[in-house]
Structures are given as C-alpha cells and as structure tokens.
Amino acid sequence: MSCPVCDGQGNIYNAKILDLGILITICDECEACWNKDQIISIENFNRLTPFLEELGLTYNDSQIEDLGYVQDEDVLS
C-alpha cells in the first residue's frame, strides 16, 4: 500500500514496537505512522519520532520489528 501522506513516495509496513508490544503501521519513506487498528489516512497519522517520545521512548533506542508490507486487501475500510 502506498502512503497517502507522502503522495505514494513510500510504502506502508506493519511493525511491532518490541519495547511496549504495540502494533503499528509505518511509511518507509516519511515515517508517518498509525495504530494498527486505524484506517490509514492523511487525516489521522502521527510522526514516528514524536509518537515514540509520547510513549517514553526515543527513536534511536526503541526496538521496532518489521512485520512486512501492508497489502491493499489488509487495509481497514
């Protein structure tokens, strides 16, 4: 799935923040992110670094596991 935030420059992948056990989706280009249960849209994204900081983590110290790219049929509608 192409990212709506950076006009399709990046692709969205599933990820797990291992430090907290949280599932999210992230753009591999602009690092827009969404909670796993959110519809992926330009209206409701977060930036990854501030999102992690709100959870008490830093971008450099957090452990994020790539769980594979989101396929169009996986997207909530």
PDB file of N, CA and C in Angstrom:
ATOM      1  N   MET A   1       0.841  -1.177   0.000  1.00  0.00           N
ATOM      2  CA  MET A   1       0.000   0.000   0.000  1.00  0.00           C
ATOM      3  C   MET A   1       0.886   1.240   0.000  1.00  0.00           C
ATOM      4  N   SER A   2       0.551   2.202  -0.839  1.00  0.00           N
ATOM      5  CA  SER A   2       1.285   3.463  -0.913  1.00  0.00           C
ATOM      6  C   SER A   2       0.828   4.399   0.193  1.00  0.00           C
ATOM      7  N   CYS A   3       1.737   5.232   0.643  1.00  0.00           N
ATOM      8  CA  CYS A   3       1.458   6.165   1.735  1.00  0.00           C
ATOM      9  C   CYS A   3       0.673   7.379   1.236  1.00  0.00           C
ATOM     10  N   PRO A   4      -0.446   7.700   1.890  1.00  0.00           N
ATOM     11  CA  PRO A   4      -1.209   8.883   1.498  1.00  0.00           C
ATOM     12  C   PRO A   4      -0.552  10.196   1.954  1.00  0.00           C
ATOM     13  N   VAL A   5       0.321  10.137   2.943  1.00  0.00           N
ATOM     14  CA  VAL A   5       0.935  11.344   3.500  1.00  0.00           C
ATOM     15  C   VAL A   5       2.002  11.899   2.565  1.00  0.00           C
ATOM     16  N   CYS A   6       2.833  11.024   2.002  1.00  0.00           N
ATOM     17  CA  CYS A   6       3.905  11.494   1.111  1.00  0.00           C
ATOM     18  C   CYS A   6       3.566  11.227  -0.360  1.00  0.00           C
ATOM     19  N   ASP A   7       2.271  11.211  -0.656  1.00  0.00           N
ATOM     20  CA  ASP A   7       1.775  11.065  -2.033  1.00  0.00           C
ATOM     21  C   ASP A   7       2.322   9.842  -2.750  1.00  0.00           C
ATOM     22  N   GLY A   8       2.391   8.721  -2.027  1.00  0.00           N
ATOM     23  CA  GLY A   8       2.801   7.474  -2.646  1.00  0.00           C
ATOM     24  C   GLY A   8       4.297   7.282  -2.799  1.00  0.00           C
ATOM     25  N   GLN A   9       5.107   8.177  -2.248  1.00  0.00           N
ATOM     26  CA  GLN A   9       6.557   8.019  -2.336  1.00  0.00           C
ATOM     27  C   GLN A   9       7.044   6.824  -1.524  1.00  0.00           C
ATOM     28  N   GLY A  10       6.314   6.491  -0.462  1.00  0.00           N
ATOM     29  CA  GLY A  10       6.697   5.376   0.393  1.00  0.00           C
ATOM     30  C   GLY A  10       5.625   4.316   0.440  1.00  0.00           C
ATOM     31  N   ASN A  11       5.995   3.179   0.996  1.00  0.00           N
ATOM     32  CA  ASN A  11       5.063   2.074   1.192  1.00  0.00           C
ATOM     33  C   ASN A  11       4.861   1.852   2.685  1.00  0.00           C
ATOM     34  N   ILE A  12       3.683   1.380   3.035  1.00  0.00           N
ATOM     35  CA  ILE A  12       3.311   1.169   4.431  1.00  0.00           C
ATOM     36  C   ILE A  12       3.666  -0.258   4.843  1.00  0.00           C
ATOM     37  N   TYR A  13       4.315  -0.380   6.017  1.00  0.00           N
ATOM     38  CA  TYR A  13       4.612  -1.715   6.544  1.00  0.00           C
ATOM     39  C   TYR A  13       4.118  -1.859   7.972  1.00  0.00           C
ATOM     40  N   ASN A  14       3.812  -3.094   8.336  1.00  0.00           N
ATOM     41  CA  ASN A  14       3.403  -3.431   9.697  1.00  0.00           C
ATOM     42  C   ASN A  14       4.644  -3.522  10.560  1.00  0.00           C
ATOM     43  N   ALA A  15       4.523  -3.071  11.799  1.00  0.00           N
ATOM     44  CA  ALA A  15       5.662  -3.105  12.708  1.00  0.00           C
ATOM     45  C   ALA A  15       5.178  -3.348  14.133  1.00  0.00           C
ATOM     46  N   LYS A  16       6.088  -3.821  14.949  1.00  0.00           N
ATOM     47  CA  LYS A  16       5.809  -4.013  16.366  1.00  0.00           C
ATOM     48  C   LYS A  16       6.864  -3.264  17.160  1.00  0.00           C
ATOM     49  N   ILE A  17       6.432  -2.407  18.085  1.00  0.00           N
ATOM     50  CA  ILE A  17       7.362  -1.749  18.991  1.00  0.00           C
ATOM     51  C   ILE A  17       7.619  -2.757  20.109  1.00  0.00           C
ATOM     52  N   LEU A  18       8.752  -3.430  20.018  1.00  0.00           N
ATOM     53  CA  LEU A  18       9.050  -4.530  20.935  1.00  0.00           C
ATOM     54  C   LEU A  18       9.117  -4.076  22.389  1.00  0.00           C
ATOM     55  N   ASP A  19       9.569  -2.854  22.624  1.00  0.00           N
ATOM     56  CA  ASP A  19       9.687  -2.327  23.982  1.00  0.00           C
ATOM     57  C   ASP A  19       8.337  -2.293  24.700  1.00  0.00           C
ATOM     58  N   LEU A  20       7.249  -2.125  23.925  1.00  0.00           N
ATOM     59  CA  LEU A  20       5.920  -1.954  24.506  1.00  0.00           C
ATOM     60  C   LEU A  20       4.901  -2.986  24.039  1.00  0.00           C
ATOM     61  N   GLY A  21       5.254  -3.778  23.030  1.00  0.00           N
ATOM     62  CA  GLY A  21       4.329  -4.769  22.496  1.00  0.00           C
ATOM     63  C   GLY A  21       3.189  -4.161  21.693  1.00  0.00           C
ATOM     64  N   ILE A  22       3.402  -2.971  21.140  1.00  0.00           N
ATOM     65  CA  ILE A  22       2.367  -2.264  20.379  1.00  0.00           C
ATOM     66  C   ILE A  22       2.550  -2.527  18.888  1.00  0.00           C
ATOM     67  N   LEU A  23       1.449  -2.805  18.194  1.00  0.00           N
ATOM     68  CA  LEU A  23       1.463  -2.968  16.750  1.00  0.00           C
ATOM     69  C   LEU A  23       1.075  -1.659  16.093  1.00  0.00           C
ATOM     70  N   ILE A  24       1.856  -1.249  15.086  1.00  0.00           N
ATOM     71  CA  ILE A  24       1.578  -0.032  14.334  1.00  0.00           C
ATOM     72  C   ILE A  24       1.858  -0.291  12.858  1.00  0.00           C
ATOM     73  N   THR A  25       1.527   0.686  12.029  1.00  0.00           N
ATOM     74  CA  THR A  25       1.926   0.678  10.631  1.00  0.00           C
ATOM     75  C   THR A  25       2.746   1.943  10.396  1.00  0.00           C
ATOM     76  N   ILE A  26       3.780   1.839   9.539  1.00  0.00           N
ATOM     77  CA  ILE A  26       4.720   2.938   9.320  1.00  0.00           C
ATOM     78  C   ILE A  26       5.010   3.072   7.822  1.00  0.00           C
ATOM     79  N   CYS A  27       5.150   4.302   7.354  1.00  0.00           N
ATOM     80  CA  CYS A  27       5.612   4.555   5.991  1.00  0.00           C
ATOM     81  C   CYS A  27       7.129   4.432   5.961  1.00  0.00           C
ATOM     82  N   ASP A  28       7.652   3.703   5.003  1.00  0.00           N
ATOM     83  CA  ASP A  28       9.102   3.515   4.915  1.00  0.00           C
ATOM     84  C   ASP A  28       9.831   4.734   4.343  1.00  0.00           C
ATOM     85  N   GLU A  29       9.094   5.745   3.924  1.00  0.00           N
ATOM     86  CA  GLU A  29       9.710   6.956   3.370  1.00  0.00           C
ATOM     87  C   GLU A  29       9.609   8.139   4.333  1.00  0.00           C
ATOM     88  N   CYS A  30       8.406   8.508   4.734  1.00  0.00           N
ATOM     89  CA  CYS A  30       8.217   9.717   5.546  1.00  0.00           C
ATOM     90  C   CYS A  30       8.019   9.433   7.029  1.00  0.00           C
ATOM     91  N   GLU A  31       7.936   8.156   7.402  1.00  0.00           N
ATOM     92  CA  GLU A  31       7.760   7.712   8.788  1.00  0.00           C
ATOM     93  C   GLU A  31       6.467   8.206   9.421  1.00  0.00           C
ATOM     94  N   ALA A  32       5.446   8.424   8.597  1.00  0.00           N
ATOM     95  CA  ALA A  32       4.103   8.598   9.136  1.00  0.00           C
ATOM     96  C   ALA A  32       3.728   7.260   9.764  1.00  0.00           C
ATOM     97  N   CYS A  33       2.948   7.293  10.832  1.00  0.00           N
ATOM     98  CA  CYS A  33       2.560   6.031  11.454  1.00  0.00           C
ATOM     99  C   CYS A  33       1.119   6.093  11.946  1.00  0.00           C
ATOM    100  N   TRP A  34       0.537   4.924  12.111  1.00  0.00           N
ATOM    101  CA  TRP A  34      -0.830   4.760  12.562  1.00  0.00           C
ATOM    102  C   TRP A  34      -0.878   3.596  13.532  1.00  0.00           C
ATOM    103  N   ASN A  35      -1.809   3.634  14.486  1.00  0.00           N
ATOM    104  CA  ASN A  35      -2.061   2.456  15.311  1.00  0.00           C
ATOM    105  C   ASN A  35      -2.586   1.368  14.394  1.00  0.00           C
ATOM    106  N   LYS A  36      -2.345   0.132  14.732  1.00  0.00           N
ATOM    107  CA  LYS A  36      -2.697  -0.992  13.860  1.00  0.00           C
ATOM    108  C   LYS A  36      -4.185  -1.030  13.517  1.00  0.00           C
ATOM    109  N   ASP A  37      -5.043  -0.605  14.435  1.00  0.00           N
ATOM    110  CA  ASP A  37      -6.482  -0.680  14.193  1.00  0.00           C
ATOM    111  C   ASP A  37      -7.066   0.565  13.534  1.00  0.00           C
ATOM    112  N   GLN A  38      -6.220   1.520  13.131  1.00  0.00           N
ATOM    113  CA  GLN A  38      -6.694   2.733  12.478  1.00  0.00           C
ATOM    114  C   GLN A  38      -6.774   2.563  10.971  1.00  0.00           C
ATOM    115  N   ILE A  39      -7.698   3.290  10.375  1.00  0.00           N
ATOM    116  CA  ILE A  39      -7.726   3.406   8.918  1.00  0.00           C
ATOM    117  C   ILE A  39      -6.534   4.283   8.528  1.00  0.00           C
ATOM    118  N   ILE A  40      -5.773   3.862   7.532  1.00  0.00           N
ATOM    119  CA  ILE A  40      -4.603   4.610   7.080  1.00  0.00           C
ATOM    120  C   ILE A  40      -5.072   5.751   6.197  1.00  0.00           C
ATOM    121  N   SER A  41      -4.881   6.968   6.707  1.00  0.00           N
ATOM    122  CA  SER A  41      -5.399   8.155   6.042  1.00  0.00           C
ATOM    123  C   SER A  41      -4.500   9.345   6.352  1.00  0.00           C
ATOM    124  N   ILE A  42      -4.540  10.346   5.503  1.00  0.00           N
ATOM    125  CA  ILE A  42      -3.765  11.571   5.740  1.00  0.00           C
ATOM    126  C   ILE A  42      -4.352  12.369   6.909  1.00  0.00           C
ATOM    127  N   GLU A  43      -5.609  12.148   7.237  1.00  0.00           N
ATOM    128  CA  GLU A  43      -6.271  12.898   8.301  1.00  0.00           C
ATOM    129  C   GLU A  43      -5.907  12.427   9.711  1.00  0.00           C
ATOM    130  N   ASN A  44      -5.321  11.239   9.865  1.00  0.00           N
ATOM    131  CA  ASN A  44      -5.147  10.698  11.218  1.00  0.00           C
ATOM    132  C   ASN A  44      -3.765  10.107  11.502  1.00  0.00           C
ATOM    133  N   PHE A  45      -2.749  10.555  10.821  1.00  0.00           N
ATOM    134  CA  PHE A  45      -1.425   9.979  11.019  1.00  0.00           C
ATOM    135  C   PHE A  45      -0.664  10.689  12.131  1.00  0.00           C
ATOM    136  N   ASN A  46       0.360  10.023  12.651  1.00  0.00           N
ATOM    137  CA  ASN A  46       1.321  10.601  13.591  1.00  0.00           C
ATOM    138  C   ASN A  46       2.693  10.528  12.940  1.00  0.00           C
ATOM    139  N   ARG A  47       3.608  11.350  13.399  1.00  0.00           N
ATOM    140  CA  ARG A  47       5.013  11.213  13.005  1.00  0.00           C
ATOM    141  C   ARG A  47       5.645  10.247  13.987  1.00  0.00           C
ATOM    142  N   LEU A  48       6.477   9.336  13.500  1.00  0.00           N
ATOM    143  CA  LEU A  48       7.015   8.257  14.316  1.00  0.00           C
ATOM    144  C   LEU A  48       7.811   8.757  15.518  1.00  0.00           C
ATOM    145  N   THR A  49       8.726   9.694  15.333  1.00  0.00           N
ATOM    146  CA  THR A  49       9.570  10.147  16.448  1.00  0.00           C
ATOM    147  C   THR A  49       8.740  10.765  17.580  1.00  0.00           C
ATOM    148  N   PRO A  50       7.856  11.734  17.308  1.00  0.00           N
ATOM    149  CA  PRO A  50       7.036  12.269  18.401  1.00  0.00           C
ATOM    150  C   PRO A  50       6.117  11.215  19.031  1.00  0.00           C
ATOM    151  N   PHE A  51       5.612  10.294  18.211  1.00  0.00           N
ATOM    152  CA  PHE A  51       4.767   9.210  18.716  1.00  0.00           C
ATOM    153  C   PHE A  51       5.537   8.364  19.734  1.00  0.00           C
ATOM    154  N   LEU A  52       6.771   7.995  19.391  1.00  0.00           N
ATOM    155  CA  LEU A  52       7.601   7.215  20.310  1.00  0.00           C
ATOM    156  C   LEU A  52       7.929   8.013  21.566  1.00  0.00           C
ATOM    157  N   GLU A  53       8.223   9.295  21.406  1.00  0.00           N
ATOM    158  CA  GLU A  53       8.557  10.133  22.558  1.00  0.00           C
ATOM    159  C   GLU A  53       7.384  10.261  23.519  1.00  0.00           C
ATOM    160  N   GLU A  54       6.150  10.320  22.984  1.00  0.00           N
ATOM    161  CA  GLU A  54       4.962  10.354  23.841  1.00  0.00           C
ATOM    162  C   GLU A  54       4.835   9.080  24.668  1.00  0.00           C
ATOM    163  N   LEU A  55       5.394   8.003  24.172  1.00  0.00           N
ATOM    164  CA  LEU A  55       5.347   6.716  24.877  1.00  0.00           C
ATOM    165  C   LEU A  55       6.576   6.505  25.760  1.00  0.00           C
ATOM    166  N   GLY A  56       7.448   7.520  25.849  1.00  0.00           N
ATOM    167  CA  GLY A  56       8.625   7.443  26.706  1.00  0.00           C
ATOM    168  C   GLY A  56       9.833   6.796  26.065  1.00  0.00           C
ATOM    169  N   LEU A  57       9.829   6.667  24.739  1.00  0.00           N
ATOM    170  CA  LEU A  57      10.949   6.059  24.016  1.00  0.00           C
ATOM    171  C   LEU A  57      11.622   7.101  23.135  1.00  0.00           C
ATOM    172  N   THR A  58      12.838   6.808  22.709  1.00  0.00           N
ATOM    173  CA  THR A  58      13.483   7.627  21.692  1.00  0.00           C
ATOM    174  C   THR A  58      13.554   6.805  20.407  1.00  0.00           C
ATOM    175  N   TYR A  59      13.666   7.496  19.305  1.00  0.00           N
ATOM    176  CA  TYR A  59      13.757   6.811  18.020  1.00  0.00           C
ATOM    177  C   TYR A  59      14.985   5.891  17.980  1.00  0.00           C
ATOM    178  N   ASN A  60      16.119   6.382  18.471  1.00  0.00           N
ATOM    179  CA  ASN A  60      17.362   5.616  18.402  1.00  0.00           C
ATOM    180  C   ASN A  60      17.384   4.414  19.332  1.00  0.00           C
ATOM    181  N   ASP A  61      16.693   4.497  20.450  1.00  0.00           N
ATOM    182  CA  ASP A  61      16.753   3.413  21.436  1.00  0.00           C
ATOM    183  C   ASP A  61      15.595   2.424  21.352  1.00  0.00           C
ATOM    184  N   SER A  62      14.552   2.742  20.622  1.00  0.00           N
ATOM    185  CA  SER A  62      13.410   1.828  20.542  1.00  0.00           C
ATOM    186  C   SER A  62      13.737   0.653  19.615  1.00  0.00           C
ATOM    187  N   GLN A  63      13.123  -0.467  19.925  1.00  0.00           N
ATOM    188  CA  GLN A  63      13.297  -1.667  19.103  1.00  0.00           C
ATOM    189  C   GLN A  63      12.014  -1.876  18.310  1.00  0.00           C
ATOM    190  N   ILE A  64      12.136  -1.736  16.983  1.00  0.00           N
ATOM    191  CA  ILE A  64      10.977  -1.861  16.109  1.00  0.00           C
ATOM    192  C   ILE A  64      11.218  -3.022  15.155  1.00  0.00           C
ATOM    193  N   GLU A  65      10.299  -3.976  15.176  1.00  0.00           N
ATOM    194  CA  GLU A  65      10.398  -5.156  14.312  1.00  0.00           C
ATOM    195  C   GLU A  65       9.524  -4.958  13.078  1.00  0.00           C
ATOM    196  N   ASP A  66      10.100  -5.129  11.913  1.00  0.00           N
ATOM    197  CA  ASP A  66       9.375  -5.050  10.644  1.00  0.00           C
ATOM    198  C   ASP A  66       8.602  -6.349  10.461  1.00  0.00           C
ATOM    199  N   LEU A  67       7.285  -6.236  10.287  1.00  0.00           N
ATOM    200  CA  LEU A  67       6.434  -7.413  10.125  1.00  0.00           C
ATOM    201  C   LEU A  67       5.933  -7.590   8.699  1.00  0.00           C
ATOM    202  N   GLY A  68       6.473  -6.831   7.777  1.00  0.00           N
ATOM    203  CA  GLY A  68       6.101  -6.980   6.371  1.00  0.00           C
ATOM    204  C   GLY A  68       5.171  -5.887   5.883  1.00  0.00           C
ATOM    205  N   TYR A  69       5.182  -5.704   4.589  1.00  0.00           N
ATOM    206  CA  TYR A  69       4.399  -4.637   3.979  1.00  0.00           C
ATOM    207  C   TYR A  69       2.905  -4.924   4.026  1.00  0.00           C
ATOM    208  N   VAL A  70       2.137  -3.842   4.133  1.00  0.00           N
ATOM    209  CA  VAL A  70       0.685  -3.908   4.129  1.00  0.00           C
ATOM    210  C   VAL A  70       0.227  -4.108   2.682  1.00  0.00           C
ATOM    211  N   GLN A  71      -0.643  -5.053   2.493  1.00  0.00           N
ATOM    212  CA  GLN A  71      -1.235  -5.274   1.186  1.00  0.00           C
ATOM    213  C   GLN A  71      -2.555  -4.507   1.141  1.00  0.00           C
ATOM    214  N   ASP A  72      -2.972  -4.084  -0.024  1.00  0.00           N
ATOM    215  CA  ASP A  72      -4.209  -3.295  -0.139  1.00  0.00           C
ATOM    216  C   ASP A  72      -5.395  -4.016   0.491  1.00  0.00           C
ATOM    217  N   GLU A  73      -5.473  -5.333   0.393  1.00  0.00           N
ATOM    218  CA  GLU A  73      -6.599  -6.075   0.951  1.00  0.00           C
ATOM    219  C   GLU A  73      -6.556  -6.139   2.490  1.00  0.00           C
ATOM    220  N   ASP A  74      -5.434  -5.763   3.098  1.00  0.00           N
ATOM    221  CA  ASP A  74      -5.309  -5.758   4.555  1.00  0.00           C
ATOM    222  C   ASP A  74      -5.847  -4.468   5.181  1.00  0.00           C
ATOM    223  N   VAL A  75      -6.108  -3.456   4.388  1.00  0.00           N
ATOM    224  CA  VAL A  75      -6.461  -2.136   4.883  1.00  0.00           C
ATOM    225  C   VAL A  75      -7.897  -2.115   5.368  1.00  0.00           C
ATOM    226  N   LEU A  76      -8.104  -1.480   6.530  1.00  0.00           N
ATOM    227  CA  LEU A  76      -9.461  -1.291   7.031  1.00  0.00           C
ATOM    228  C   LEU A  76     -10.210  -0.321   6.137  1.00  0.00           C
ATOM    229  N   SER A  77     -11.467  -0.561   5.963  1.00  0.00           N
ATOM    230  CA  SER A  77     -12.273   0.384   5.163  1.00  0.00           C
ATOM    231  C   SER A  77     -13.555   0.718   5.873  1.00  0.00           C
TER     232      SER A  77
END
